Amino acid sequence: MRPYIICHMMASLDGRIDCEMTEQIDDTNHYYEALARLDCPSTLEGKTTLAMHYAQSGLFQCQKTHEDAGQQLYKAVDAEGYAIGVDTHGTLLWDDNTTELFGRPLLMILSERCSQEYLDYLKGKHISYVTTGQDGIDLASAMETLRTVFGVERLAVVGGGRINGSMLDKGFIDEVSMMYGYGIDGRGGMAAAFDGRPMNSKPVRLTFKSVEEQDGIVWIRYQVK
């Protein structure tokens, strides 16, 4: 059992999603208005996006000998929705009041090889967490825990390309919600909406659901077949 998962992204016409770039090609609030219409109280973001927009500068430094955390779960608070982040090794630094920062409680997903010291750090800031997976994060286990323990029924994945690609490869994306701003990026090496899939991956077929135009921004929704 896992949540119903929608990938919701703003991109340039060529499918790039660099945040600083998309802010330049969309000066409206349509992205967030569309996100509200998707009715997903919880969102999921990758480490790069979290580090760029929310986390404090610097990285967590262990003061003790590293001790693998193993599989653990900490639920700081019950909530209707969570700001969910992925931080495989446990390195991001956080303000004391992340609920105010995100507008809802923060919940971190980490691997079992993050340090126990880092989990103690999160607990001290009343940040919920799930650790699962030895060689990276076990996404299947994490999604099941979100649904069964934290009550996440609908989840919007909102960045970036690597986490989107990983979720797509696992077959966890139920719907794709793409908004195309009025601009082209074209720079080499910039992340696409879905990125980092193995070279032998096959295209994922989609079924058209709807399309809207909003002040020059095109919003297209697809079901994943």
N, C-alpha and C. Protein backbone atom coordinates (compact mmCIF):
# COMPACT_ATOMS: atom_id res chain seq x y z
N MET A 1 0.85 -1.19 0.00
CA MET A 1 0.00 0.00 0.00
C MET A 1 0.88 1.24 0.00
N ARG A 2 0.59 2.16 -0.89
CA ARG A 2 1.35 3.41 -0.96
C ARG A 2 0.39 4.54 -1.32
N PRO A 3 0.83 5.80 -1.23
CA PRO A 3 -0.04 6.92 -1.61
C PRO A 3 -0.27 6.95 -3.12
N TYR A 4 -1.31 7.68 -3.53
CA TYR A 4 -1.48 8.06 -4.93
C TYR A 4 -0.50 9.20 -5.17
N ILE A 5 0.37 9.06 -6.18
CA ILE A 5 1.49 9.98 -6.34
C ILE A 5 1.40 10.74 -7.65
N ILE A 6 1.45 12.06 -7.56
CA ILE A 6 1.43 12.95 -8.72
C ILE A 6 2.75 13.70 -8.78
N CYS A 7 3.41 13.67 -9.93
CA CYS A 7 4.61 14.48 -10.13
C CYS A 7 4.17 15.80 -10.74
N HIS A 8 4.40 16.89 -10.03
CA HIS A 8 3.94 18.23 -10.46
C HIS A 8 5.16 19.13 -10.63
N MET A 9 5.39 19.59 -11.87
CA MET A 9 6.60 20.35 -12.17
C MET A 9 6.30 21.57 -13.04
N MET A 10 7.10 22.61 -12.87
CA MET A 10 7.15 23.74 -13.80
C MET A 10 8.44 23.61 -14.60
N ALA A 11 8.34 23.71 -15.91
CA ALA A 11 9.51 23.53 -16.76
C ALA A 11 9.51 24.56 -17.88
N SER A 12 10.68 24.75 -18.47
CA SER A 12 10.77 25.52 -19.71
C SER A 12 10.23 24.66 -20.85
N LEU A 13 10.10 25.25 -22.02
CA LEU A 13 9.53 24.51 -23.14
C LEU A 13 10.37 23.29 -23.50
N ASP A 14 11.68 23.35 -23.21
CA ASP A 14 12.55 22.21 -23.49
C ASP A 14 12.68 21.27 -22.29
N GLY A 15 11.79 21.40 -21.31
CA GLY A 15 11.71 20.43 -20.23
C GLY A 15 12.71 20.57 -19.11
N ARG A 16 13.42 21.71 -19.05
CA ARG A 16 14.39 21.92 -17.96
C ARG A 16 13.69 22.53 -16.75
N ILE A 17 14.21 22.22 -15.56
CA ILE A 17 13.48 22.59 -14.33
C ILE A 17 14.33 23.35 -13.32
N ASP A 18 15.48 23.89 -13.74
CA ASP A 18 16.29 24.68 -12.82
C ASP A 18 15.44 25.77 -12.19
N CYS A 19 15.42 25.83 -10.85
CA CYS A 19 14.48 26.71 -10.15
C CYS A 19 14.71 28.19 -10.48
N GLU A 20 15.96 28.62 -10.50
CA GLU A 20 16.23 30.02 -10.80
C GLU A 20 15.77 30.37 -12.20
N MET A 21 15.90 29.42 -13.13
CA MET A 21 15.45 29.65 -14.50
C MET A 21 13.94 29.72 -14.57
N THR A 22 13.23 28.77 -13.93
CA THR A 22 11.77 28.75 -14.03
C THR A 22 11.15 29.99 -13.39
N GLU A 23 11.81 30.54 -12.38
CA GLU A 23 11.30 31.77 -11.78
C GLU A 23 11.35 32.94 -12.75
N GLN A 24 12.29 32.87 -13.69
CA GLN A 24 12.43 33.93 -14.68
C GLN A 24 11.42 33.81 -15.82
N ILE A 25 10.91 32.60 -16.06
CA ILE A 25 9.98 32.41 -17.17
C ILE A 25 8.54 32.26 -16.67
N ASP A 26 8.34 32.46 -15.38
CA ASP A 26 6.98 32.41 -14.82
C ASP A 26 6.91 33.33 -13.62
N ASP A 27 6.29 34.48 -13.79
CA ASP A 27 6.16 35.44 -12.69
C ASP A 27 4.74 35.45 -12.14
N THR A 28 4.05 34.32 -12.27
CA THR A 28 2.68 34.19 -11.76
C THR A 28 2.69 33.22 -10.57
N ASN A 29 1.50 33.00 -10.03
CA ASN A 29 1.33 32.03 -8.94
C ASN A 29 0.60 30.79 -9.43
N HIS A 30 0.55 30.59 -10.75
CA HIS A 30 -0.25 29.51 -11.31
C HIS A 30 0.25 28.13 -10.88
N TYR A 31 1.57 27.97 -10.72
CA TYR A 31 2.12 26.67 -10.32
C TYR A 31 1.52 26.23 -8.98
N TYR A 32 1.51 27.15 -8.00
CA TYR A 32 1.02 26.80 -6.67
C TYR A 32 -0.50 26.69 -6.65
N GLU A 33 -1.17 27.48 -7.47
CA GLU A 33 -2.62 27.34 -7.58
C GLU A 33 -2.98 25.97 -8.15
N ALA A 34 -2.22 25.52 -9.15
CA ALA A 34 -2.45 24.19 -9.72
C ALA A 34 -2.16 23.10 -8.70
N LEU A 35 -1.09 23.28 -7.93
CA LEU A 35 -0.74 22.30 -6.90
C LEU A 35 -1.87 22.18 -5.89
N ALA A 36 -2.48 23.28 -5.52
CA ALA A 36 -3.60 23.24 -4.57
C ALA A 36 -4.77 22.47 -5.17
N ARG A 37 -5.00 22.63 -6.47
CA ARG A 37 -6.10 21.93 -7.13
C ARG A 37 -5.87 20.42 -7.21
N LEU A 38 -4.61 20.00 -7.14
CA LEU A 38 -4.31 18.56 -7.18
C LEU A 38 -4.67 17.86 -5.88
N ASP A 39 -4.96 18.64 -4.84
CA ASP A 39 -5.44 18.09 -3.57
C ASP A 39 -4.46 17.09 -2.97
N CYS A 40 -3.20 17.52 -2.87
CA CYS A 40 -2.17 16.69 -2.25
C CYS A 40 -1.64 17.43 -1.02
N PRO A 41 -2.13 17.10 0.18
CA PRO A 41 -1.68 17.81 1.39
C PRO A 41 -0.19 17.63 1.68
N SER A 42 0.41 16.55 1.17
CA SER A 42 1.83 16.29 1.40
C SER A 42 2.61 16.43 0.10
N THR A 43 3.84 16.93 0.20
CA THR A 43 4.74 17.07 -0.95
C THR A 43 6.05 16.37 -0.65
N LEU A 44 6.76 15.99 -1.72
CA LEU A 44 8.05 15.32 -1.60
C LEU A 44 9.07 16.04 -2.47
N GLU A 45 10.23 16.37 -1.89
CA GLU A 45 11.30 17.05 -2.61
C GLU A 45 12.63 16.34 -2.37
N GLY A 46 13.51 16.42 -3.36
CA GLY A 46 14.84 15.84 -3.24
C GLY A 46 15.80 16.75 -2.50
N LYS A 47 16.97 16.23 -2.22
CA LYS A 47 17.95 16.95 -1.41
C LYS A 47 18.41 18.25 -2.08
N THR A 48 18.62 18.22 -3.39
CA THR A 48 19.12 19.42 -4.07
C THR A 48 18.14 20.57 -3.93
N THR A 49 16.85 20.29 -4.12
CA THR A 49 15.83 21.33 -3.98
C THR A 49 15.75 21.83 -2.54
N LEU A 50 15.82 20.92 -1.58
CA LEU A 50 15.77 21.31 -0.17
C LEU A 50 16.96 22.18 0.20
N ALA A 51 18.15 21.80 -0.27
CA ALA A 51 19.35 22.57 0.06
C ALA A 51 19.29 23.96 -0.56
N MET A 52 18.70 24.07 -1.73
CA MET A 52 18.66 25.34 -2.44
C MET A 52 17.68 26.32 -1.81
N HIS A 53 16.56 25.81 -1.31
CA HIS A 53 15.48 26.71 -0.90
C HIS A 53 15.14 26.71 0.59
N TYR A 54 15.49 25.66 1.32
CA TYR A 54 14.97 25.55 2.68
C TYR A 54 16.03 25.31 3.77
N ALA A 55 16.99 24.44 3.50
CA ALA A 55 17.96 24.08 4.54
C ALA A 55 18.93 25.22 4.81
N GLN A 56 19.55 25.16 5.98
CA GLN A 56 20.59 26.13 6.31
C GLN A 56 21.85 25.81 5.51
N SER A 57 22.73 26.77 5.39
CA SER A 57 23.99 26.54 4.69
C SER A 57 24.89 25.62 5.53
N GLY A 58 25.78 24.92 4.85
CA GLY A 58 26.68 23.99 5.53
C GLY A 58 26.11 22.59 5.58
N LEU A 59 26.92 21.67 6.11
CA LEU A 59 26.54 20.27 6.21
C LEU A 59 26.73 19.77 7.64
N PHE A 60 25.90 18.83 8.03
CA PHE A 60 26.02 18.24 9.37
C PHE A 60 27.34 17.50 9.49
N GLN A 61 28.06 17.74 10.58
CA GLN A 61 29.33 17.09 10.85
C GLN A 61 29.22 16.28 12.13
N CYS A 62 29.45 14.97 12.01
CA CYS A 62 29.40 14.11 13.19
C CYS A 62 30.51 14.46 14.17
N GLN A 63 30.17 14.49 15.43
CA GLN A 63 31.16 14.74 16.47
C GLN A 63 31.59 13.45 17.15
N LYS A 64 30.90 12.35 16.83
CA LYS A 64 31.20 11.05 17.41
C LYS A 64 31.56 10.07 16.31
N THR A 65 32.01 8.91 16.68
CA THR A 65 32.28 7.85 15.72
C THR A 65 30.98 7.46 15.02
N HIS A 66 31.04 7.33 13.70
CA HIS A 66 29.82 7.04 12.94
C HIS A 66 29.23 5.69 13.36
N GLU A 67 27.94 5.74 13.62
CA GLU A 67 27.17 4.53 13.96
C GLU A 67 25.96 4.49 13.05
N ASP A 68 25.88 3.46 12.19
CA ASP A 68 24.73 3.34 11.30
C ASP A 68 23.44 3.35 12.10
N ALA A 69 22.46 4.09 11.60
CA ALA A 69 21.20 4.21 12.32
C ALA A 69 20.37 2.94 12.24
N GLY A 70 20.50 2.20 11.13
CA GLY A 70 19.63 1.06 10.92
C GLY A 70 18.23 1.51 10.57
N GLN A 71 17.28 0.61 10.63
CA GLN A 71 15.90 0.93 10.27
C GLN A 71 15.18 1.52 11.48
N GLN A 72 14.73 2.75 11.32
CA GLN A 72 14.08 3.44 12.44
C GLN A 72 12.91 4.28 11.93
N LEU A 73 12.09 4.70 12.88
CA LEU A 73 10.93 5.53 12.57
C LEU A 73 10.70 6.45 13.76
N TYR A 74 10.48 7.73 13.50
CA TYR A 74 10.14 8.69 14.54
C TYR A 74 9.05 9.60 14.03
N LYS A 75 7.94 9.62 14.72
CA LYS A 75 6.80 10.46 14.34
C LYS A 75 6.66 11.56 15.38
N ALA A 76 7.11 12.76 15.00
CA ALA A 76 7.11 13.86 15.96
C ALA A 76 5.71 14.39 16.22
N VAL A 77 4.83 14.33 15.21
CA VAL A 77 3.51 14.91 15.35
C VAL A 77 2.57 14.28 14.32
N ASP A 78 1.29 14.19 14.66
CA ASP A 78 0.28 13.80 13.69
C ASP A 78 -0.13 15.04 12.90
N ALA A 79 -0.31 14.89 11.60
CA ALA A 79 -0.68 16.04 10.77
C ALA A 79 -1.48 15.56 9.57
N GLU A 80 -2.26 16.48 8.99
CA GLU A 80 -3.00 16.16 7.78
C GLU A 80 -2.10 16.10 6.57
N GLY A 81 -0.97 16.79 6.62
CA GLY A 81 -0.02 16.77 5.51
C GLY A 81 1.38 17.07 6.01
N TYR A 82 2.38 16.60 5.24
CA TYR A 82 3.77 16.78 5.62
C TYR A 82 4.57 17.34 4.44
N ALA A 83 5.62 18.09 4.76
CA ALA A 83 6.65 18.44 3.80
C ALA A 83 7.70 17.34 3.91
N ILE A 84 7.78 16.47 2.90
CA ILE A 84 8.62 15.29 2.97
C ILE A 84 9.88 15.53 2.15
N GLY A 85 11.03 15.21 2.72
CA GLY A 85 12.30 15.41 2.04
C GLY A 85 13.12 14.15 2.01
N VAL A 86 13.99 14.05 1.01
CA VAL A 86 14.90 12.91 0.87
C VAL A 86 16.32 13.40 1.12
N ASP A 87 17.02 12.76 2.04
CA ASP A 87 18.40 13.11 2.38
C ASP A 87 19.12 11.81 2.73
N THR A 88 19.61 11.11 1.72
CA THR A 88 20.09 9.73 1.87
C THR A 88 21.06 9.55 3.02
N HIS A 89 22.06 10.41 3.10
CA HIS A 89 23.13 10.21 4.09
C HIS A 89 22.96 11.05 5.35
N GLY A 90 21.99 11.95 5.35
CA GLY A 90 21.75 12.76 6.55
C GLY A 90 22.78 13.86 6.72
N THR A 91 22.68 14.91 5.90
CA THR A 91 23.68 15.99 5.96
C THR A 91 23.06 17.38 6.04
N LEU A 92 21.77 17.53 5.78
CA LEU A 92 21.16 18.86 5.75
C LEU A 92 20.98 19.42 7.15
N LEU A 93 21.15 20.73 7.26
CA LEU A 93 20.98 21.43 8.53
C LEU A 93 19.66 22.20 8.49
N TRP A 94 18.98 22.26 9.66
CA TRP A 94 17.64 22.81 9.69
C TRP A 94 17.46 23.86 10.78
N ASP A 95 16.54 24.81 10.51
CA ASP A 95 16.13 25.77 11.53
C ASP A 95 15.41 25.05 12.66
N ASP A 96 15.21 25.77 13.75
CA ASP A 96 14.52 25.16 14.89
C ASP A 96 13.03 24.98 14.63
N ASN A 97 12.44 25.83 13.79
CA ASN A 97 11.00 25.73 13.53
C ASN A 97 10.75 25.44 12.06
N THR A 98 10.90 24.19 11.66
CA THR A 98 10.69 23.83 10.26
C THR A 98 9.22 23.83 9.88
N THR A 99 8.33 23.66 10.87
CA THR A 99 6.90 23.71 10.56
C THR A 99 6.51 25.09 10.05
N GLU A 100 7.05 26.12 10.65
CA GLU A 100 6.80 27.48 10.18
C GLU A 100 7.45 27.69 8.81
N LEU A 101 8.62 27.12 8.61
CA LEU A 101 9.35 27.27 7.35
C LEU A 101 8.55 26.68 6.18
N PHE A 102 7.99 25.49 6.36
CA PHE A 102 7.29 24.79 5.28
C PHE A 102 5.77 24.99 5.31
N GLY A 103 5.25 25.45 6.42
CA GLY A 103 3.81 25.58 6.56
C GLY A 103 3.15 24.29 6.99
N ARG A 104 3.92 23.27 7.25
CA ARG A 104 3.44 21.99 7.76
C ARG A 104 4.66 21.22 8.27
N PRO A 105 4.47 20.17 9.06
CA PRO A 105 5.61 19.47 9.66
C PRO A 105 6.54 18.85 8.61
N LEU A 106 7.81 18.85 8.92
CA LEU A 106 8.83 18.25 8.05
C LEU A 106 9.01 16.78 8.41
N LEU A 107 9.13 15.94 7.39
CA LEU A 107 9.34 14.50 7.55
C LEU A 107 10.46 14.10 6.60
N MET A 108 11.55 13.56 7.13
CA MET A 108 12.71 13.21 6.31
C MET A 108 12.80 11.70 6.08
N ILE A 109 13.18 11.34 4.85
CA ILE A 109 13.44 9.95 4.48
C ILE A 109 14.94 9.79 4.27
N LEU A 110 15.54 8.84 4.96
CA LEU A 110 16.99 8.64 4.92
C LEU A 110 17.29 7.15 4.77
N SER A 111 18.53 6.84 4.44
CA SER A 111 18.94 5.43 4.38
C SER A 111 19.33 4.95 5.77
N GLU A 112 19.43 3.64 5.91
CA GLU A 112 19.81 3.06 7.20
C GLU A 112 21.27 3.32 7.55
N ARG A 113 22.03 3.83 6.58
CA ARG A 113 23.45 4.09 6.84
C ARG A 113 23.73 5.54 7.22
N CYS A 114 22.69 6.34 7.38
CA CYS A 114 22.92 7.66 7.96
C CYS A 114 23.31 7.46 9.42
N SER A 115 23.86 8.46 10.03
CA SER A 115 24.39 8.29 11.38
C SER A 115 23.29 8.43 12.44
N GLN A 116 23.44 7.67 13.50
CA GLN A 116 22.54 7.79 14.64
C GLN A 116 22.60 9.20 15.21
N GLU A 117 23.76 9.80 15.16
CA GLU A 117 23.93 11.15 15.68
C GLU A 117 23.05 12.14 14.90
N TYR A 118 22.93 11.92 13.59
CA TYR A 118 22.09 12.81 12.79
C TYR A 118 20.62 12.63 13.13
N LEU A 119 20.19 11.39 13.38
CA LEU A 119 18.81 11.17 13.78
C LEU A 119 18.51 11.84 15.13
N ASP A 120 19.47 11.79 16.03
CA ASP A 120 19.30 12.48 17.30
C ASP A 120 19.16 13.99 17.07
N TYR A 121 19.91 14.49 16.11
CA TYR A 121 19.82 15.91 15.74
C TYR A 121 18.41 16.25 15.24
N LEU A 122 17.85 15.41 14.34
CA LEU A 122 16.51 15.64 13.83
C LEU A 122 15.47 15.58 14.95
N LYS A 123 15.61 14.59 15.81
CA LYS A 123 14.66 14.44 16.91
C LYS A 123 14.69 15.66 17.82
N GLY A 124 15.88 16.21 18.04
CA GLY A 124 16.01 17.40 18.86
C GLY A 124 15.30 18.60 18.27
N LYS A 125 15.09 18.59 16.96
CA LYS A 125 14.36 19.67 16.29
C LYS A 125 12.92 19.28 15.99
N HIS A 126 12.47 18.17 16.55
CA HIS A 126 11.09 17.68 16.38
C HIS A 126 10.75 17.45 14.92
N ILE A 127 11.71 16.87 14.20
CA ILE A 127 11.53 16.53 12.79
C ILE A 127 11.33 15.02 12.68
N SER A 128 10.21 14.61 12.10
CA SER A 128 9.93 13.19 11.92
C SER A 128 10.90 12.60 10.90
N TYR A 129 11.12 11.27 11.00
CA TYR A 129 12.01 10.63 10.02
C TYR A 129 11.69 9.16 9.86
N VAL A 130 12.10 8.66 8.71
CA VAL A 130 12.03 7.23 8.38
C VAL A 130 13.38 6.85 7.79
N THR A 131 14.00 5.79 8.28
CA THR A 131 15.23 5.29 7.67
C THR A 131 14.95 3.91 7.11
N THR A 132 15.29 3.72 5.84
CA THR A 132 15.03 2.43 5.20
C THR A 132 15.95 2.26 4.00
N GLY A 133 16.56 1.09 3.89
CA GLY A 133 17.44 0.78 2.76
C GLY A 133 18.91 0.86 3.14
N GLN A 134 19.65 -0.18 2.77
CA GLN A 134 21.09 -0.22 3.05
C GLN A 134 21.89 0.49 1.96
N ASP A 135 21.63 0.14 0.71
CA ASP A 135 22.35 0.74 -0.41
C ASP A 135 21.47 1.81 -1.04
N GLY A 136 21.40 2.95 -0.40
CA GLY A 136 20.46 3.98 -0.81
C GLY A 136 19.12 3.76 -0.13
N ILE A 137 18.17 4.60 -0.48
CA ILE A 137 16.86 4.55 0.16
C ILE A 137 15.97 3.50 -0.51
N ASP A 138 15.30 2.70 0.29
CA ASP A 138 14.33 1.75 -0.21
C ASP A 138 13.02 2.50 -0.40
N LEU A 139 12.78 2.97 -1.64
CA LEU A 139 11.62 3.81 -1.91
C LEU A 139 10.30 3.07 -1.67
N ALA A 140 10.26 1.78 -2.01
CA ALA A 140 9.02 1.02 -1.82
C ALA A 140 8.65 0.99 -0.34
N SER A 141 9.62 0.70 0.51
CA SER A 141 9.37 0.66 1.94
C SER A 141 8.98 2.05 2.47
N ALA A 142 9.68 3.08 1.97
CA ALA A 142 9.39 4.44 2.43
C ALA A 142 7.97 4.85 2.06
N MET A 143 7.54 4.55 0.83
CA MET A 143 6.20 4.93 0.40
C MET A 143 5.14 4.19 1.22
N GLU A 144 5.39 2.93 1.53
CA GLU A 144 4.44 2.17 2.34
C GLU A 144 4.32 2.77 3.73
N THR A 145 5.46 3.18 4.31
CA THR A 145 5.44 3.78 5.64
C THR A 145 4.70 5.11 5.63
N LEU A 146 4.88 5.90 4.57
CA LEU A 146 4.15 7.17 4.47
C LEU A 146 2.65 6.94 4.52
N ARG A 147 2.22 5.88 3.85
CA ARG A 147 0.77 5.61 3.78
C ARG A 147 0.24 5.01 5.08
N THR A 148 0.92 4.01 5.60
CA THR A 148 0.37 3.25 6.71
C THR A 148 0.63 3.89 8.07
N VAL A 149 1.75 4.59 8.22
CA VAL A 149 2.11 5.17 9.52
C VAL A 149 1.74 6.65 9.60
N PHE A 150 2.02 7.39 8.52
CA PHE A 150 1.79 8.84 8.54
C PHE A 150 0.48 9.24 7.87
N GLY A 151 -0.23 8.28 7.31
CA GLY A 151 -1.54 8.58 6.75
C GLY A 151 -1.54 9.40 5.48
N VAL A 152 -0.44 9.34 4.72
CA VAL A 152 -0.33 10.10 3.47
C VAL A 152 -1.06 9.33 2.36
N GLU A 153 -2.19 9.86 1.93
CA GLU A 153 -2.98 9.20 0.90
C GLU A 153 -2.70 9.74 -0.49
N ARG A 154 -2.43 11.04 -0.59
CA ARG A 154 -2.09 11.68 -1.87
C ARG A 154 -0.81 12.48 -1.67
N LEU A 155 0.14 12.28 -2.59
CA LEU A 155 1.47 12.87 -2.46
C LEU A 155 1.87 13.52 -3.77
N ALA A 156 2.31 14.78 -3.70
CA ALA A 156 2.82 15.48 -4.88
C ALA A 156 4.34 15.50 -4.83
N VAL A 157 4.98 14.93 -5.83
CA VAL A 157 6.44 15.00 -5.96
C VAL A 157 6.76 16.27 -6.73
N VAL A 158 7.50 17.18 -6.10
CA VAL A 158 7.69 18.51 -6.67
C VAL A 158 9.15 18.85 -6.93
N GLY A 159 10.00 17.87 -7.10
CA GLY A 159 11.39 18.13 -7.49
C GLY A 159 12.37 17.34 -6.70
N GLY A 160 13.54 17.15 -7.35
CA GLY A 160 13.90 17.52 -8.71
C GLY A 160 13.95 16.31 -9.63
N GLY A 161 14.74 16.45 -10.71
CA GLY A 161 14.73 15.47 -11.77
C GLY A 161 15.16 14.08 -11.36
N ARG A 162 16.11 13.98 -10.44
CA ARG A 162 16.62 12.67 -10.03
C ARG A 162 15.59 11.89 -9.23
N ILE A 163 14.97 12.55 -8.26
CA ILE A 163 13.96 11.84 -7.47
C ILE A 163 12.76 11.51 -8.34
N ASN A 164 12.42 12.41 -9.28
CA ASN A 164 11.33 12.12 -10.21
C ASN A 164 11.65 10.88 -11.04
N GLY A 165 12.89 10.82 -11.57
CA GLY A 165 13.29 9.68 -12.38
C GLY A 165 13.30 8.38 -11.60
N SER A 166 13.76 8.44 -10.36
CA SER A 166 13.80 7.24 -9.52
C SER A 166 12.39 6.74 -9.22
N MET A 167 11.49 7.66 -8.91
CA MET A 167 10.11 7.27 -8.63
C MET A 167 9.44 6.70 -9.87
N LEU A 168 9.75 7.26 -11.02
CA LEU A 168 9.18 6.77 -12.28
C LEU A 168 9.67 5.36 -12.56
N ASP A 169 10.97 5.11 -12.37
CA ASP A 169 11.54 3.78 -12.62
C ASP A 169 10.91 2.72 -11.73
N LYS A 170 10.56 3.10 -10.51
CA LYS A 170 9.96 2.15 -9.57
C LYS A 170 8.47 1.93 -9.84
N GLY A 171 7.91 2.70 -10.77
CA GLY A 171 6.49 2.57 -11.06
C GLY A 171 5.60 3.22 -10.03
N PHE A 172 6.13 4.22 -9.31
CA PHE A 172 5.38 4.84 -8.24
C PHE A 172 4.62 6.10 -8.66
N ILE A 173 4.88 6.60 -9.86
CA ILE A 173 4.19 7.80 -10.33
C ILE A 173 2.87 7.40 -10.98
N ASP A 174 1.77 7.87 -10.43
CA ASP A 174 0.45 7.57 -10.98
C ASP A 174 0.02 8.60 -12.00
N GLU A 175 0.46 9.83 -11.82
CA GLU A 175 0.02 10.92 -12.68
C GLU A 175 1.16 11.93 -12.85
N VAL A 176 1.24 12.52 -14.03
CA VAL A 176 2.23 13.56 -14.32
C VAL A 176 1.49 14.86 -14.59
N SER A 177 1.86 15.90 -13.85
CA SER A 177 1.26 17.22 -14.01
C SER A 177 2.38 18.19 -14.38
N MET A 178 2.44 18.57 -15.67
CA MET A 178 3.52 19.41 -16.17
C MET A 178 2.99 20.78 -16.56
N MET A 179 3.66 21.82 -16.07
CA MET A 179 3.35 23.19 -16.46
C MET A 179 4.55 23.74 -17.23
N TYR A 180 4.30 24.24 -18.43
CA TYR A 180 5.37 24.77 -19.27
C TYR A 180 5.28 26.29 -19.31
N GLY A 181 6.32 26.94 -18.79
CA GLY A 181 6.39 28.39 -18.81
C GLY A 181 6.76 28.91 -20.18
N TYR A 182 6.67 30.22 -20.33
CA TYR A 182 6.92 30.86 -21.63
C TYR A 182 8.39 31.22 -21.78
N GLY A 183 9.22 30.16 -21.95
CA GLY A 183 10.64 30.37 -22.15
C GLY A 183 11.36 29.08 -22.48
N ILE A 184 12.59 29.22 -22.99
CA ILE A 184 13.46 28.08 -23.32
C ILE A 184 14.75 28.24 -22.54
N ASP A 185 15.24 27.14 -21.98
CA ASP A 185 16.52 27.15 -21.26
C ASP A 185 17.65 26.86 -22.24
N GLY A 186 17.79 25.61 -22.66
CA GLY A 186 18.78 25.25 -23.67
C GLY A 186 20.21 25.09 -23.17
N ARG A 187 20.48 25.33 -21.89
CA ARG A 187 21.85 25.17 -21.39
C ARG A 187 22.18 23.70 -21.20
N GLY A 188 23.36 23.32 -21.58
CA GLY A 188 23.80 21.94 -21.43
C GLY A 188 23.97 21.56 -19.97
N GLY A 189 23.60 20.33 -19.65
CA GLY A 189 23.82 19.81 -18.31
C GLY A 189 22.78 20.18 -17.28
N MET A 190 21.75 20.94 -17.66
CA MET A 190 20.71 21.31 -16.71
C MET A 190 19.71 20.16 -16.57
N ALA A 191 19.22 19.96 -15.35
CA ALA A 191 18.33 18.84 -15.07
C ALA A 191 17.02 18.96 -15.83
N ALA A 192 16.53 17.82 -16.30
CA ALA A 192 15.22 17.75 -16.91
C ALA A 192 14.20 17.33 -15.86
N ALA A 193 12.93 17.42 -16.22
CA ALA A 193 11.87 17.08 -15.27
C ALA A 193 12.03 15.66 -14.74
N PHE A 194 12.44 14.74 -15.61
CA PHE A 194 12.77 13.38 -15.20
C PHE A 194 14.18 13.11 -15.68
N ASP A 195 15.07 12.76 -14.75
CA ASP A 195 16.48 12.67 -15.11
C ASP A 195 17.14 11.50 -14.38
N GLY A 196 18.28 11.06 -14.94
CA GLY A 196 19.11 10.06 -14.27
C GLY A 196 18.66 8.63 -14.42
N ARG A 197 17.71 8.34 -15.31
CA ARG A 197 17.30 6.95 -15.52
C ARG A 197 18.41 6.21 -16.27
N PRO A 198 18.56 4.90 -16.04
CA PRO A 198 19.59 4.12 -16.76
C PRO A 198 19.39 4.23 -18.27
N MET A 199 20.50 4.14 -19.01
CA MET A 199 20.46 4.31 -20.46
C MET A 199 19.61 3.24 -21.15
N ASN A 200 19.46 2.09 -20.53
CA ASN A 200 18.66 1.02 -21.15
C ASN A 200 17.18 1.10 -20.77
N SER A 201 16.77 2.18 -20.08
CA SER A 201 15.38 2.33 -19.70
C SER A 201 14.51 2.58 -20.93
N LYS A 202 13.31 2.05 -20.90
CA LYS A 202 12.37 2.28 -21.99
C LYS A 202 11.48 3.47 -21.66
N PRO A 203 10.97 4.14 -22.68
CA PRO A 203 10.04 5.25 -22.41
C PRO A 203 8.83 4.78 -21.62
N VAL A 204 8.30 5.66 -20.80
CA VAL A 204 7.10 5.36 -20.02
C VAL A 204 5.91 5.96 -20.76
N ARG A 205 4.97 5.11 -21.14
CA ARG A 205 3.81 5.57 -21.88
C ARG A 205 2.81 6.26 -20.96
N LEU A 206 2.20 7.33 -21.47
CA LEU A 206 1.24 8.12 -20.72
C LEU A 206 -0.10 8.16 -21.45
N THR A 207 -1.15 8.43 -20.70
CA THR A 207 -2.47 8.62 -21.27
C THR A 207 -2.92 10.05 -20.97
N PHE A 208 -3.28 10.78 -22.01
CA PHE A 208 -3.69 12.18 -21.86
C PHE A 208 -4.90 12.30 -20.95
N LYS A 209 -4.86 13.30 -20.05
CA LYS A 209 -5.97 13.53 -19.12
C LYS A 209 -6.62 14.89 -19.35
N SER A 210 -5.82 15.97 -19.39
CA SER A 210 -6.40 17.30 -19.58
C SER A 210 -5.32 18.30 -19.93
N VAL A 211 -5.75 19.45 -20.47
CA VAL A 211 -4.83 20.55 -20.77
C VAL A 211 -5.55 21.87 -20.54
N GLU A 212 -4.83 22.83 -19.97
CA GLU A 212 -5.34 24.18 -19.76
C GLU A 212 -4.26 25.19 -20.14
N GLU A 213 -4.70 26.37 -20.55
CA GLU A 213 -3.78 27.49 -20.79
C GLU A 213 -4.10 28.59 -19.80
N GLN A 214 -3.07 29.07 -19.10
CA GLN A 214 -3.26 30.10 -18.08
C GLN A 214 -2.23 31.20 -18.28
N ASP A 215 -2.65 32.31 -18.87
CA ASP A 215 -1.75 33.46 -19.09
C ASP A 215 -0.46 33.06 -19.80
N GLY A 216 -0.58 32.20 -20.79
CA GLY A 216 0.59 31.79 -21.56
C GLY A 216 1.29 30.56 -21.04
N ILE A 217 0.90 30.08 -19.85
CA ILE A 217 1.46 28.86 -19.28
C ILE A 217 0.54 27.69 -19.64
N VAL A 218 1.11 26.60 -20.13
CA VAL A 218 0.32 25.44 -20.51
C VAL A 218 0.45 24.37 -19.43
N TRP A 219 -0.69 23.92 -18.93
CA TRP A 219 -0.73 22.90 -17.87
C TRP A 219 -1.33 21.63 -18.47
N ILE A 220 -0.51 20.57 -18.53
CA ILE A 220 -0.94 19.30 -19.11
C ILE A 220 -0.87 18.21 -18.04
N ARG A 221 -1.94 17.40 -17.98
CA ARG A 221 -1.95 16.29 -17.03
C ARG A 221 -2.09 14.97 -17.79
N TYR A 222 -1.32 13.97 -17.33
CA TYR A 222 -1.34 12.64 -17.92
C TYR A 222 -1.47 11.61 -16.82
N GLN A 223 -2.11 10.49 -17.13
CA GLN A 223 -2.05 9.30 -16.29
C GLN A 223 -0.90 8.42 -16.79
N VAL A 224 -0.19 7.80 -15.87
CA VAL A 224 0.86 6.87 -16.26
C VAL A 224 0.22 5.52 -16.53
N LYS A 225 0.52 4.94 -17.69
CA LYS A 225 -0.12 3.67 -18.08
C LYS A 225 0.50 2.53 -17.27
